[in-house]
Amino acid sequence: TLYQYVEEIAHAHPALYRAYINILSENTLTKFQSISSKSPFYYFDSNS
């Protein structure tokens, strides 16, 4: 659930949120993500 944790704390500071938006634009990360998770997927908004 680390990705979800980052998604949660991204709203703690505008500088963190800008960093989070930059992470979302990185398509290279998809190939490192596991096929599924032990935890459910949290949908917050369109950024999810």
All heavy atoms as atom14 arrays in JSON, in Angstrom:
{
  "sequence": "TLYQYVEEIAHAHPALYRAYINILSENTLTKFQSISSKSPFYYFDSNS",
  "atom14_mask": [
    [1, 1, 1, 1, 1, 1, 1, 0, 0, 0, 0, 0, 0, 0],
    [1, 1, 1, 1, 1, 1, 1, 1, 0, 0, 0, 0, 0, 0],
    [1, 1, 1, 1, 1, 1, 1, 1, 1, 1, 1, 1, 0, 0],
    [1, 1, 1, 1, 1, 1, 1, 1, 1, 0, 0, 0, 0, 0],
    [1, 1, 1, 1, 1, 1, 1, 1, 1, 1, 1, 1, 0, 0],
    [1, 1, 1, 1, 1, 1, 1, 0, 0, 0, 0, 0, 0, 0],
    [1, 1, 1, 1, 1, 1, 1, 1, 1, 0, 0, 0, 0, 0],
    [1, 1, 1, 1, 1, 1, 1, 1, 1, 0, 0, 0, 0, 0],
    [1, 1, 1, 1, 1, 1, 1, 1, 0, 0, 0, 0, 0, 0],
    [1, 1, 1, 1, 1, 0, 0, 0, 0, 0, 0, 0, 0, 0],
    [1, 1, 1, 1, 1, 1, 1, 1, 1, 1, 0, 0, 0, 0],
    [1, 1, 1, 1, 1, 0, 0, 0, 0, 0, 0, 0, 0, 0],
    [1, 1, 1, 1, 1, 1, 1, 1, 1, 1, 0, 0, 0, 0],
    [1, 1, 1, 1, 1, 1, 1, 0, 0, 0, 0, 0, 0, 0],
    [1, 1, 1, 1, 1, 0, 0, 0, 0, 0, 0, 0, 0, 0],
    [1, 1, 1, 1, 1, 1, 1, 1, 0, 0, 0, 0, 0, 0],
    [1, 1, 1, 1, 1, 1, 1, 1, 1, 1, 1, 1, 0, 0],
    [1, 1, 1, 1, 1, 1, 1, 1, 1, 1, 1, 0, 0, 0],
    [1, 1, 1, 1, 1, 0, 0, 0, 0, 0, 0, 0, 0, 0],
    [1, 1, 1, 1, 1, 1, 1, 1, 1, 1, 1, 1, 0, 0],
    [1, 1, 1, 1, 1, 1, 1, 1, 0, 0, 0, 0, 0, 0],
    [1, 1, 1, 1, 1, 1, 1, 1, 0, 0, 0, 0, 0, 0],
    [1, 1, 1, 1, 1, 1, 1, 1, 0, 0, 0, 0, 0, 0],
    [1, 1, 1, 1, 1, 1, 1, 1, 0, 0, 0, 0, 0, 0],
    [1, 1, 1, 1, 1, 1, 0, 0, 0, 0, 0, 0, 0, 0],
    [1, 1, 1, 1, 1, 1, 1, 1, 1, 0, 0, 0, 0, 0],
    [1, 1, 1, 1, 1, 1, 1, 1, 0, 0, 0, 0, 0, 0],
    [1, 1, 1, 1, 1, 1, 1, 0, 0, 0, 0, 0, 0, 0],
    [1, 1, 1, 1, 1, 1, 1, 1, 0, 0, 0, 0, 0, 0],
    [1, 1, 1, 1, 1, 1, 1, 0, 0, 0, 0, 0, 0, 0],
    [1, 1, 1, 1, 1, 1, 1, 1, 1, 0, 0, 0, 0, 0],
    [1, 1, 1, 1, 1, 1, 1, 1, 1, 1, 1, 0, 0, 0],
    [1, 1, 1, 1, 1, 1, 1, 1, 1, 0, 0, 0, 0, 0],
    [1, 1, 1, 1, 1, 1, 0, 0, 0, 0, 0, 0, 0, 0],
    [1, 1, 1, 1, 1, 1, 1, 1, 0, 0, 0, 0, 0, 0],
    [1, 1, 1, 1, 1, 1, 0, 0, 0, 0, 0, 0, 0, 0],
    [1, 1, 1, 1, 1, 1, 0, 0, 0, 0, 0, 0, 0, 0],
    [1, 1, 1, 1, 1, 1, 1, 1, 1, 0, 0, 0, 0, 0],
    [1, 1, 1, 1, 1, 1, 0, 0, 0, 0, 0, 0, 0, 0],
    [1, 1, 1, 1, 1, 1, 1, 0, 0, 0, 0, 0, 0, 0],
    [1, 1, 1, 1, 1, 1, 1, 1, 1, 1, 1, 0, 0, 0],
    [1, 1, 1, 1, 1, 1, 1, 1, 1, 1, 1, 1, 0, 0],
    [1, 1, 1, 1, 1, 1, 1, 1, 1, 1, 1, 1, 0, 0],
    [1, 1, 1, 1, 1, 1, 1, 1, 1, 1, 1, 0, 0, 0],
    [1, 1, 1, 1, 1, 1, 1, 1, 0, 0, 0, 0, 0, 0],
    [1, 1, 1, 1, 1, 1, 0, 0, 0, 0, 0, 0, 0, 0],
    [1, 1, 1, 1, 1, 1, 1, 1, 0, 0, 0, 0, 0, 0],
    [1, 1, 1, 1, 1, 1, 0, 0, 0, 0, 0, 0, 0, 0]
  ],
  "atom14_positions": [
    [[0.82, -1.22, 0.0], [0.0, 0.0, 0.0], [0.85, 1.27, 0.0], [0.36, 2.34, 0.32], [-0.95, 0.03, 1.22], [-0.17, -0.01, 2.43], [-1.92, -1.12, 1.2], [0.0, 0.0, 0.0], [0.0, 0.0, 0.0], [0.0, 0.0, 0.0], [0.0, 0.0, 0.0], [0.0, 0.0, 0.0], [0.0, 0.0, 0.0], [0.0, 0.0, 0.0]],
    [[2.13, 1.16, -0.36], [2.98, 2.35, -0.34], [2.52, 3.37, -1.37], [2.51, 4.58, -1.1], [4.44, 1.97, -0.59], [5.42, 3.14, -0.57], [5.4, 3.85, 0.78], [6.85, 2.68, -0.9], [0.0, 0.0, 0.0], [0.0, 0.0, 0.0], [0.0, 0.0, 0.0], [0.0, 0.0, 0.0], [0.0, 0.0, 0.0], [0.0, 0.0, 0.0]],
    [[2.11, 2.9, -2.56], [1.63, 3.85, -3.58], [0.44, 4.64, -3.04], [0.35, 5.86, -3.22], [1.24, 3.09, -4.85], [0.91, 4.01, -6.01], [1.85, 4.26, -7.01], [-0.33, 4.63, -6.12], [1.57, 5.11, -8.07], [-0.62, 5.48, -7.17], [0.33, 5.72, -8.15], [0.03, 6.57, -9.18], [0.0, 0.0, 0.0], [0.0, 0.0, 0.0]],
    [[-0.48, 3.95, -2.39], [-1.65, 4.63, -1.83], [-1.25, 5.6, -0.73], [-1.85, 6.67, -0.58], [-2.65, 3.58, -1.31], [-3.27, 2.75, -2.42], [-3.94, 1.5, -1.9], [-4.04, 1.27, -0.71], [-4.4, 0.67, -2.82], [0.0, 0.0, 0.0], [0.0, 0.0, 0.0], [0.0, 0.0, 0.0], [0.0, 0.0, 0.0], [0.0, 0.0, 0.0]],
    [[-0.23, 5.23, 0.04], [0.26, 6.11, 1.11], [0.82, 7.4, 0.5], [0.55, 8.49, 0.99], [1.32, 5.37, 1.91], [1.85, 6.12, 3.11], [0.98, 6.64, 4.06], [3.22, 6.29, 3.3], [1.46, 7.31, 5.18], [3.71, 6.96, 4.41], [2.82, 7.46, 5.34], [3.3, 8.13, 6.45], [0.0, 0.0, 0.0], [0.0, 0.0, 0.0]],
    [[1.59, 7.25, -0.57], [2.12, 8.43, -1.26], [0.97, 9.28, -1.79], [1.0, 10.52, -1.71], [3.07, 8.01, -2.39], [3.4, 9.19, -3.3], [4.35, 7.42, -1.8], [0.0, 0.0, 0.0], [0.0, 0.0, 0.0], [0.0, 0.0, 0.0], [0.0, 0.0, 0.0], [0.0, 0.0, 0.0], [0.0, 0.0, 0.0], [0.0, 0.0, 0.0]],
    [[-0.03, 8.62, -2.34], [-1.2, 9.34, -2.86], [-1.89, 10.12, -1.75], [-2.35, 11.25, -1.96], [-2.16, 8.33, -3.49], [-3.19, 8.93, -4.42], [-3.95, 7.87, -5.2], [-3.89, 6.68, -4.82], [-4.59, 8.23, -6.19], [0.0, 0.0, 0.0], [0.0, 0.0, 0.0], [0.0, 0.0, 0.0], [0.0, 0.0, 0.0], [0.0, 0.0, 0.0]],
    [[-1.94, 9.56, -0.56], [-2.57, 10.24, 0.58], [-1.75, 11.46, 1.02], [-2.29, 12.55, 1.18], [-2.69, 9.27, 1.76], [-3.66, 8.12, 1.53], [-3.49, 7.03, 2.58], [-2.97, 7.32, 3.68], [-3.86, 5.87, 2.3], [0.0, 0.0, 0.0], [0.0, 0.0, 0.0], [0.0, 0.0, 0.0], [0.0, 0.0, 0.0], [0.0, 0.0, 0.0]],
    [[-0.44, 11.26, 1.24], [0.37, 12.34, 1.81], [0.76, 13.38, 0.77], [1.29, 14.43, 1.12], [1.64, 11.79, 2.5], [2.57, 11.1, 1.5], [1.26, 10.84, 3.62], [3.86, 10.62, 2.13], [0.0, 0.0, 0.0], [0.0, 0.0, 0.0], [0.0, 0.0, 0.0], [0.0, 0.0, 0.0], [0.0, 0.0, 0.0], [0.0, 0.0, 0.0]],
    [[0.49, 13.11, -0.5], [0.8, 14.1, -1.54], [0.06, 15.41, -1.31], [0.49, 16.46, -1.79], [0.46, 13.55, -2.92], [0.0, 0.0, 0.0], [0.0, 0.0, 0.0], [0.0, 0.0, 0.0], [0.0, 0.0, 0.0], [0.0, 0.0, 0.0], [0.0, 0.0, 0.0], [0.0, 0.0, 0.0], [0.0, 0.0, 0.0], [0.0, 0.0, 0.0]],
    [[-1.06, 15.34, -0.58], [-1.86, 16.54, -0.34], [-1.44, 17.29, 0.92], [-2.09, 18.26, 1.32], [-3.34, 16.16, -0.24], [-3.89, 15.6, -1.52], [-3.67, 14.29, -1.9], [-4.62, 16.16, -2.51], [-4.25, 14.07, -3.08], [-4.83, 15.19, -3.47], [0.0, 0.0, 0.0], [0.0, 0.0, 0.0], [0.0, 0.0, 0.0], [0.0, 0.0, 0.0]],
    [[-0.33, 16.85, 1.55], [0.12, 17.51, 2.78], [0.87, 18.8, 2.5], [1.0, 19.65, 3.39], [1.0, 16.56, 3.6], [0.0, 0.0, 0.0], [0.0, 0.0, 0.0], [0.0, 0.0, 0.0], [0.0, 0.0, 0.0], [0.0, 0.0, 0.0], [0.0, 0.0, 0.0], [0.0, 0.0, 0.0], [0.0, 0.0, 0.0], [0.0, 0.0, 0.0]],
    [[1.38, 18.95, 1.27], [2.16, 20.15, 0.94], [2.13, 20.33, -0.58], [2.25, 19.35, -1.32], [3.6, 19.98, 1.42], [4.4, 21.24, 1.41], [4.9, 21.81, 0.26], [4.78, 22.07, 2.42], [5.56, 22.91, 0.55], [5.51, 23.09, 1.86], [0.0, 0.0, 0.0], [0.0, 0.0, 0.0], [0.0, 0.0, 0.0], [0.0, 0.0, 0.0]],
    [[1.99, 21.56, -1.07], [1.96, 21.79, -2.52], [3.19, 21.24, -3.24], [3.09, 20.75, -4.38], [1.88, 23.31, -2.65], [1.22, 23.76, -1.38], [1.71, 22.81, -0.32], [0.0, 0.0, 0.0], [0.0, 0.0, 0.0], [0.0, 0.0, 0.0], [0.0, 0.0, 0.0], [0.0, 0.0, 0.0], [0.0, 0.0, 0.0], [0.0, 0.0, 0.0]],
    [[4.36, 21.3, -2.6], [5.57, 20.79, -3.24], [5.49, 19.28, -3.42], [5.96, 18.73, -4.42], [6.8, 21.15, -2.41], [0.0, 0.0, 0.0], [0.0, 0.0, 0.0], [0.0, 0.0, 0.0], [0.0, 0.0, 0.0], [0.0, 0.0, 0.0], [0.0, 0.0, 0.0], [0.0, 0.0, 0.0], [0.0, 0.0, 0.0], [0.0, 0.0, 0.0]],
    [[4.9, 18.58, -2.45], [4.71, 17.15, -2.56], [3.7, 16.82, -3.66], [3.87, 15.85, -4.39], [4.23, 16.56, -1.23], [5.22, 16.57, -0.07], [4.57, 16.02, 1.19], [6.47, 15.76, -0.41], [0.0, 0.0, 0.0], [0.0, 0.0, 0.0], [0.0, 0.0, 0.0], [0.0, 0.0, 0.0], [0.0, 0.0, 0.0], [0.0, 0.0, 0.0]],
    [[2.67, 17.64, -3.77], [1.66, 17.39, -4.8], [2.24, 17.54, -6.2], [1.96, 16.76, -7.09], [0.46, 18.31, -4.61], [-0.71, 17.96, -5.49], [-1.5, 16.85, -5.2], [-1.01, 18.71, -6.62], [-2.57, 16.51, -6.01], [-2.08, 18.37, -7.43], [-2.85, 17.27, -7.12], [-3.91, 16.92, -7.94], [0.0, 0.0, 0.0], [0.0, 0.0, 0.0]],
    [[3.09, 18.55, -6.37], [3.74, 18.73, -7.69], [4.63, 17.52, -8.0], [4.68, 17.05, -9.15], [4.57, 20.02, -7.7], [3.74, 21.29, -7.7], [4.59, 22.5, -8.06], [5.65, 22.74, -7.08], [5.51, 23.49, -6.0], [4.33, 24.08, -5.74], [6.5, 23.68, -5.18], [0.0, 0.0, 0.0], [0.0, 0.0, 0.0], [0.0, 0.0, 0.0]],
    [[5.3, 17.01, -6.98], [6.13, 15.82, -7.18], [5.27, 14.62, -7.56], [5.63, 13.83, -8.44], [6.93, 15.52, -5.91], [0.0, 0.0, 0.0], [0.0, 0.0, 0.0], [0.0, 0.0, 0.0], [0.0, 0.0, 0.0], [0.0, 0.0, 0.0], [0.0, 0.0, 0.0], [0.0, 0.0, 0.0], [0.0, 0.0, 0.0], [0.0, 0.0, 0.0]],
    [[4.13, 14.49, -6.9], [3.21, 13.38, -7.18], [2.72, 13.44, -8.63], [2.68, 12.42, -9.33], [2.04, 13.46, -6.21], [0.91, 12.51, -6.49], [1.09, 11.14, -6.48], [-0.38, 13.01, -6.76], [0.04, 10.27, -6.73], [-1.43, 12.14, -7.0], [-1.22, 10.78, -7.0], [-2.26, 9.92, -7.24], [0.0, 0.0, 0.0], [0.0, 0.0, 0.0]],
    [[2.37, 14.63, -9.11], [1.91, 14.79, -10.5], [3.03, 14.39, -11.46], [2.77, 13.75, -12.5], [1.45, 16.24, -10.76], [0.22, 16.57, -9.89], [1.13, 16.43, -12.23], [-0.97, 15.67, -10.12], [0.0, 0.0, 0.0], [0.0, 0.0, 0.0], [0.0, 0.0, 0.0], [0.0, 0.0, 0.0], [0.0, 0.0, 0.0], [0.0, 0.0, 0.0]],
    [[4.27, 14.72, -11.14], [5.39, 14.31, -12.0], [5.56, 12.8, -12.02], [5.9, 12.22, -13.05], [6.68, 14.98, -11.52], [6.93, 16.31, -12.21], [6.15, 16.74, -13.05], [8.02, 16.97, -11.86], [0.0, 0.0, 0.0], [0.0, 0.0, 0.0], [0.0, 0.0, 0.0], [0.0, 0.0, 0.0], [0.0, 0.0, 0.0], [0.0, 0.0, 0.0]],
    [[5.34, 12.16, -10.87], [5.43, 10.7, -10.83], [4.38, 10.07, -11.73], [4.64, 9.09, -12.43], [5.28, 10.2, -9.37], [6.48, 10.61, -8.54], [5.12, 8.67, -9.33], [6.35, 10.32, -7.06], [0.0, 0.0, 0.0], [0.0, 0.0, 0.0], [0.0, 0.0, 0.0], [0.0, 0.0, 0.0], [0.0, 0.0, 0.0], [0.0, 0.0, 0.0]],
    [[3.17, 10.63, -11.74], [2.09, 10.09, -12.56], [2.44, 10.11, -14.04], [1.97, 9.26, -14.81], [0.81, 10.9, -12.33], [0.19, 10.85, -10.93], [-1.11, 11.67, -10.9], [-0.07, 9.44, -10.47], [0.0, 0.0, 0.0], [0.0, 0.0, 0.0], [0.0, 0.0, 0.0], [0.0, 0.0, 0.0], [0.0, 0.0, 0.0], [0.0, 0.0, 0.0]],
    [[3.26, 11.06, -14.43], [3.6, 11.18, -15.86], [4.67, 10.18, -16.3], [4.96, 10.08, -17.49], [4.09, 12.61, -16.16], [5.33, 12.86, -15.51], [0.0, 0.0, 0.0], [0.0, 0.0, 0.0], [0.0, 0.0, 0.0], [0.0, 0.0, 0.0], [0.0, 0.0, 0.0], [0.0, 0.0, 0.0], [0.0, 0.0, 0.0], [0.0, 0.0, 0.0]],
    [[5.25, 9.46, -15.35], [6.33, 8.53, -15.67], [5.77, 7.16, -16.06], [5.45, 6.34, -15.21], [7.28, 8.39, -14.47], [8.15, 9.61, -14.24], [9.2, 9.78, -15.31], [9.52, 8.79, -16.01], [9.71, 10.9, -15.45], [0.0, 0.0, 0.0], [0.0, 0.0, 0.0], [0.0, 0.0, 0.0], [0.0, 0.0, 0.0], [0.0, 0.0, 0.0]],
    [[5.66, 6.91, -17.34], [5.14, 5.62, -17.82], [6.09, 4.46, -17.57], [5.67, 3.3, -17.56], [4.82, 5.71, -19.32], [3.65, 6.64, -19.6], [2.68, 6.65, -18.85], [3.75, 7.42, -20.65], [0.0, 0.0, 0.0], [0.0, 0.0, 0.0], [0.0, 0.0, 0.0], [0.0, 0.0, 0.0], [0.0, 0.0, 0.0], [0.0, 0.0, 0.0]],
    [[7.37, 4.76, -17.35], [8.34, 3.68, -17.15], [8.07, 2.89, -15.88], [8.48, 1.73, -15.76], [9.77, 4.25, -17.08], [9.81, 5.26, -16.06], [10.19, 4.85, -18.4], [0.0, 0.0, 0.0], [0.0, 0.0, 0.0], [0.0, 0.0, 0.0], [0.0, 0.0, 0.0], [0.0, 0.0, 0.0], [0.0, 0.0, 0.0], [0.0, 0.0, 0.0]],
    [[7.37, 3.48, -14.91], [7.13, 2.8, -13.64], [6.19, 1.62, -13.79], [6.2, 0.7, -12.96], [6.58, 3.78, -12.61], [7.5, 4.94, -12.21], [6.84, 5.8, -11.14], [8.85, 4.44, -11.73], [0.0, 0.0, 0.0], [0.0, 0.0, 0.0], [0.0, 0.0, 0.0], [0.0, 0.0, 0.0], [0.0, 0.0, 0.0], [0.0, 0.0, 0.0]],
    [[5.36, 1.63, -14.83], [4.36, 0.57, -14.99], [5.0, -0.81, -15.08], [4.48, -1.78, -14.55], [3.5, 0.83, -16.25], [2.92, 2.14, -16.16], [2.39, -0.19, -16.37], [0.0, 0.0, 0.0], [0.0, 0.0, 0.0], [0.0, 0.0, 0.0], [0.0, 0.0, 0.0], [0.0, 0.0, 0.0], [0.0, 0.0, 0.0], [0.0, 0.0, 0.0]],
    [[6.15, -0.91, -15.73], [6.75, -2.23, -15.93], [7.33, -2.81, -14.64], [7.65, -4.0, -14.58], [7.83, -2.17, -17.01], [9.05, -1.35, -16.69], [10.02, -1.39, -17.87], [11.24, -0.52, -17.63], [12.17, -0.55, -18.79], [0.0, 0.0, 0.0], [0.0, 0.0, 0.0], [0.0, 0.0, 0.0], [0.0, 0.0, 0.0], [0.0, 0.0, 0.0]],
    [[7.46, -1.99, -13.6], [7.97, -2.5, -12.33], [6.85, -2.87, -11.36], [7.11, -3.49, -10.33], [8.89, -1.46, -11.67], [10.09, -1.11, -12.5], [10.16, 0.1, -13.16], [11.14, -2.01, -12.63], [11.26, 0.42, -13.93], [12.25, -1.7, -13.4], [12.3, -0.48, -14.06], [0.0, 0.0, 0.0], [0.0, 0.0, 0.0], [0.0, 0.0, 0.0]],
    [[5.62, -2.48, -11.68], [4.51, -2.75, -10.78], [4.11, -4.22, -10.85], [4.06, -4.8, -11.92], [3.31, -1.86, -11.14], [2.14, -1.94, -10.18], [2.5, -1.45, -8.79], [3.16, -2.15, -8.03], [2.06, -0.26, -8.45], [0.0, 0.0, 0.0], [0.0, 0.0, 0.0], [0.0, 0.0, 0.0], [0.0, 0.0, 0.0], [0.0, 0.0, 0.0]],
    [[3.83, -4.8, -9.69], [3.4, -6.2, -9.64], [2.04, -6.35, -10.32], [1.34, -5.36, -10.55], [3.3, -6.67, -8.19], [2.39, -5.87, -7.47], [0.0, 0.0, 0.0], [0.0, 0.0, 0.0], [0.0, 0.0, 0.0], [0.0, 0.0, 0.0], [0.0, 0.0, 0.0], [0.0, 0.0, 0.0], [0.0, 0.0, 0.0], [0.0, 0.0, 0.0]],
    [[1.66, -7.59, -10.6], [0.42, -7.81, -11.35], [-0.8, -7.48, -10.52], [-1.84, -7.09, -11.04], [0.35, -9.26, -11.88], [-0.73, -9.37, -12.95], [0.15, -10.27, -10.76], [-0.65, -10.61, -13.79], [0.0, 0.0, 0.0], [0.0, 0.0, 0.0], [0.0, 0.0, 0.0], [0.0, 0.0, 0.0], [0.0, 0.0, 0.0], [0.0, 0.0, 0.0]],
    [[-0.71, -7.64, -9.18], [-1.83, -7.29, -8.31], [-1.31, -6.98, -6.93], [-0.09, -6.91, -6.71], [-2.86, -8.43, -8.26], [-2.35, -9.55, -7.57], [0.0, 0.0, 0.0], [0.0, 0.0, 0.0], [0.0, 0.0, 0.0], [0.0, 0.0, 0.0], [0.0, 0.0, 0.0], [0.0, 0.0, 0.0], [0.0, 0.0, 0.0], [0.0, 0.0, 0.0]],
    [[-2.2, -6.8, -5.98], [-1.81, -6.41, -4.63], [-2.63, -7.15, -3.59], [-3.76, -7.58, -3.87], [-2.01, -4.89, -4.45], [-1.85, -4.5, -3.11], [0.0, 0.0, 0.0], [0.0, 0.0, 0.0], [0.0, 0.0, 0.0], [0.0, 0.0, 0.0], [0.0, 0.0, 0.0], [0.0, 0.0, 0.0], [0.0, 0.0, 0.0], [0.0, 0.0, 0.0]],
    [[-2.06, -7.28, -2.39], [-2.81, -7.86, -1.28], [-3.87, -6.9, -0.79], [-4.82, -7.3, -0.12], [-1.86, -8.19, -0.13], [-0.85, -9.28, -0.43], [0.05, -9.56, 0.77], [1.07, -8.46, 0.99], [2.05, -8.81, 2.05], [0.0, 0.0, 0.0], [0.0, 0.0, 0.0], [0.0, 0.0, 0.0], [0.0, 0.0, 0.0], [0.0, 0.0, 0.0]],
    [[-3.72, -5.62, -1.09], [-4.64, -4.59, -0.62], [-5.55, -4.14, -1.76], [-5.16, -4.21, -2.93], [-3.84, -3.39, -0.12], [-4.67, -2.3, 0.2], [0.0, 0.0, 0.0], [0.0, 0.0, 0.0], [0.0, 0.0, 0.0], [0.0, 0.0, 0.0], [0.0, 0.0, 0.0], [0.0, 0.0, 0.0], [0.0, 0.0, 0.0], [0.0, 0.0, 0.0]],
    [[-6.75, -3.67, -1.47], [-7.61, -3.16, -2.54], [-7.05, -1.89, -3.17], [-6.2, -1.22, -2.57], [-8.95, -2.89, -1.84], [-8.62, -2.76, -0.4], [-7.44, -3.63, -0.16], [0.0, 0.0, 0.0], [0.0, 0.0, 0.0], [0.0, 0.0, 0.0], [0.0, 0.0, 0.0], [0.0, 0.0, 0.0], [0.0, 0.0, 0.0], [0.0, 0.0, 0.0]],
    [[-7.54, -1.58, -4.35], [-7.17, -0.36, -5.04], [-8.08, 0.76, -4.56], [-9.29, 0.63, -4.55], [-7.32, -0.57, -6.55], [-7.28, 0.7, -7.36], [-6.09, 1.39, -7.52], [-8.42, 1.2, -7.98], [-6.04, 2.55, -8.27], [-8.38, 2.36, -8.73], [-7.18, 3.04, -8.88], [0.0, 0.0, 0.0], [0.0, 0.0, 0.0], [0.0, 0.0, 0.0]],
    [[-7.48, 1.89, -4.15], [-8.26, 3.04, -3.7], [-8.41, 4.04, -4.84], [-7.42, 4.52, -5.4], [-7.59, 3.73, -2.52], [-7.62, 2.93, -1.24], [-6.59, 3.04, -0.31], [-8.66, 2.06, -0.96], [-6.61, 2.31, 0.87], [-8.7, 1.33, 0.21], [-7.66, 1.45, 1.12], [-7.68, 0.72, 2.29], [0.0, 0.0, 0.0], [0.0, 0.0, 0.0]],
    [[-9.66, 4.33, -5.15], [-9.93, 5.34, -6.19], [-10.35, 6.63, -5.49], [-11.38, 6.7, -4.82], [-11.03, 4.87, -7.14], [-11.41, 5.93, -8.15], [-10.61, 6.15, -9.26], [-12.55, 6.71, -7.99], [-10.93, 7.13, -10.19], [-12.87, 7.69, -8.91], [-12.07, 7.9, -10.01], [-12.38, 8.86, -10.92], [0.0, 0.0, 0.0], [0.0, 0.0, 0.0]],
    [[-9.52, 7.68, -5.63], [-9.82, 8.98, -5.03], [-10.42, 9.96, -6.05], [-11.46, 10.55, -5.83], [-8.54, 9.59, -4.43], [-7.98, 8.83, -3.27], [-6.84, 8.07, -3.42], [-8.58, 8.89, -2.03], [-6.31, 7.37, -2.35], [-8.06, 8.19, -0.95], [-6.92, 7.43, -1.11], [0.0, 0.0, 0.0], [0.0, 0.0, 0.0], [0.0, 0.0, 0.0]],
    [[-9.72, 10.11, -7.16], [-10.16, 11.05, -8.19], [-9.49, 10.64, -9.5], [-8.9, 9.56, -9.6], [-9.82, 12.5, -7.82], [-8.35, 12.71, -7.51], [-7.5, 12.0, -8.11], [-8.02, 13.57, -6.68], [0.0, 0.0, 0.0], [0.0, 0.0, 0.0], [0.0, 0.0, 0.0], [0.0, 0.0, 0.0], [0.0, 0.0, 0.0], [0.0, 0.0, 0.0]],
    [[-9.57, 11.49, -10.5], [-9.05, 11.12, -11.82], [-7.55, 10.85, -11.8], [-7.04, 10.1, -12.64], [-9.36, 12.24, -12.83], [-8.82, 13.48, -12.39], [0.0, 0.0, 0.0], [0.0, 0.0, 0.0], [0.0, 0.0, 0.0], [0.0, 0.0, 0.0], [0.0, 0.0, 0.0], [0.0, 0.0, 0.0], [0.0, 0.0, 0.0], [0.0, 0.0, 0.0]],
    [[-6.81, 11.42, -10.85], [-5.38, 11.12, -10.76], [-5.12, 9.66, -10.42], [-4.06, 9.12, -10.77], [-4.72, 12.01, -9.69], [-4.5, 13.42, -10.17], [-4.27, 13.65, -11.36], [-4.59, 14.38, -9.27], [0.0, 0.0, 0.0], [0.0, 0.0, 0.0], [0.0, 0.0, 0.0], [0.0, 0.0, 0.0], [0.0, 0.0, 0.0], [0.0, 0.0, 0.0]],
    [[-6.07, 9.02, -9.75], [-5.9, 7.6, -9.42], [-5.82, 6.74, -10.67], [-5.3, 5.62, -10.63], [-7.05, 7.12, -8.53], [-7.11, 7.85, -7.33], [0.0, 0.0, 0.0], [0.0, 0.0, 0.0], [0.0, 0.0, 0.0], [0.0, 0.0, 0.0], [0.0, 0.0, 0.0], [0.0, 0.0, 0.0], [0.0, 0.0, 0.0], [0.0, 0.0, 0.0]]
  ]
}
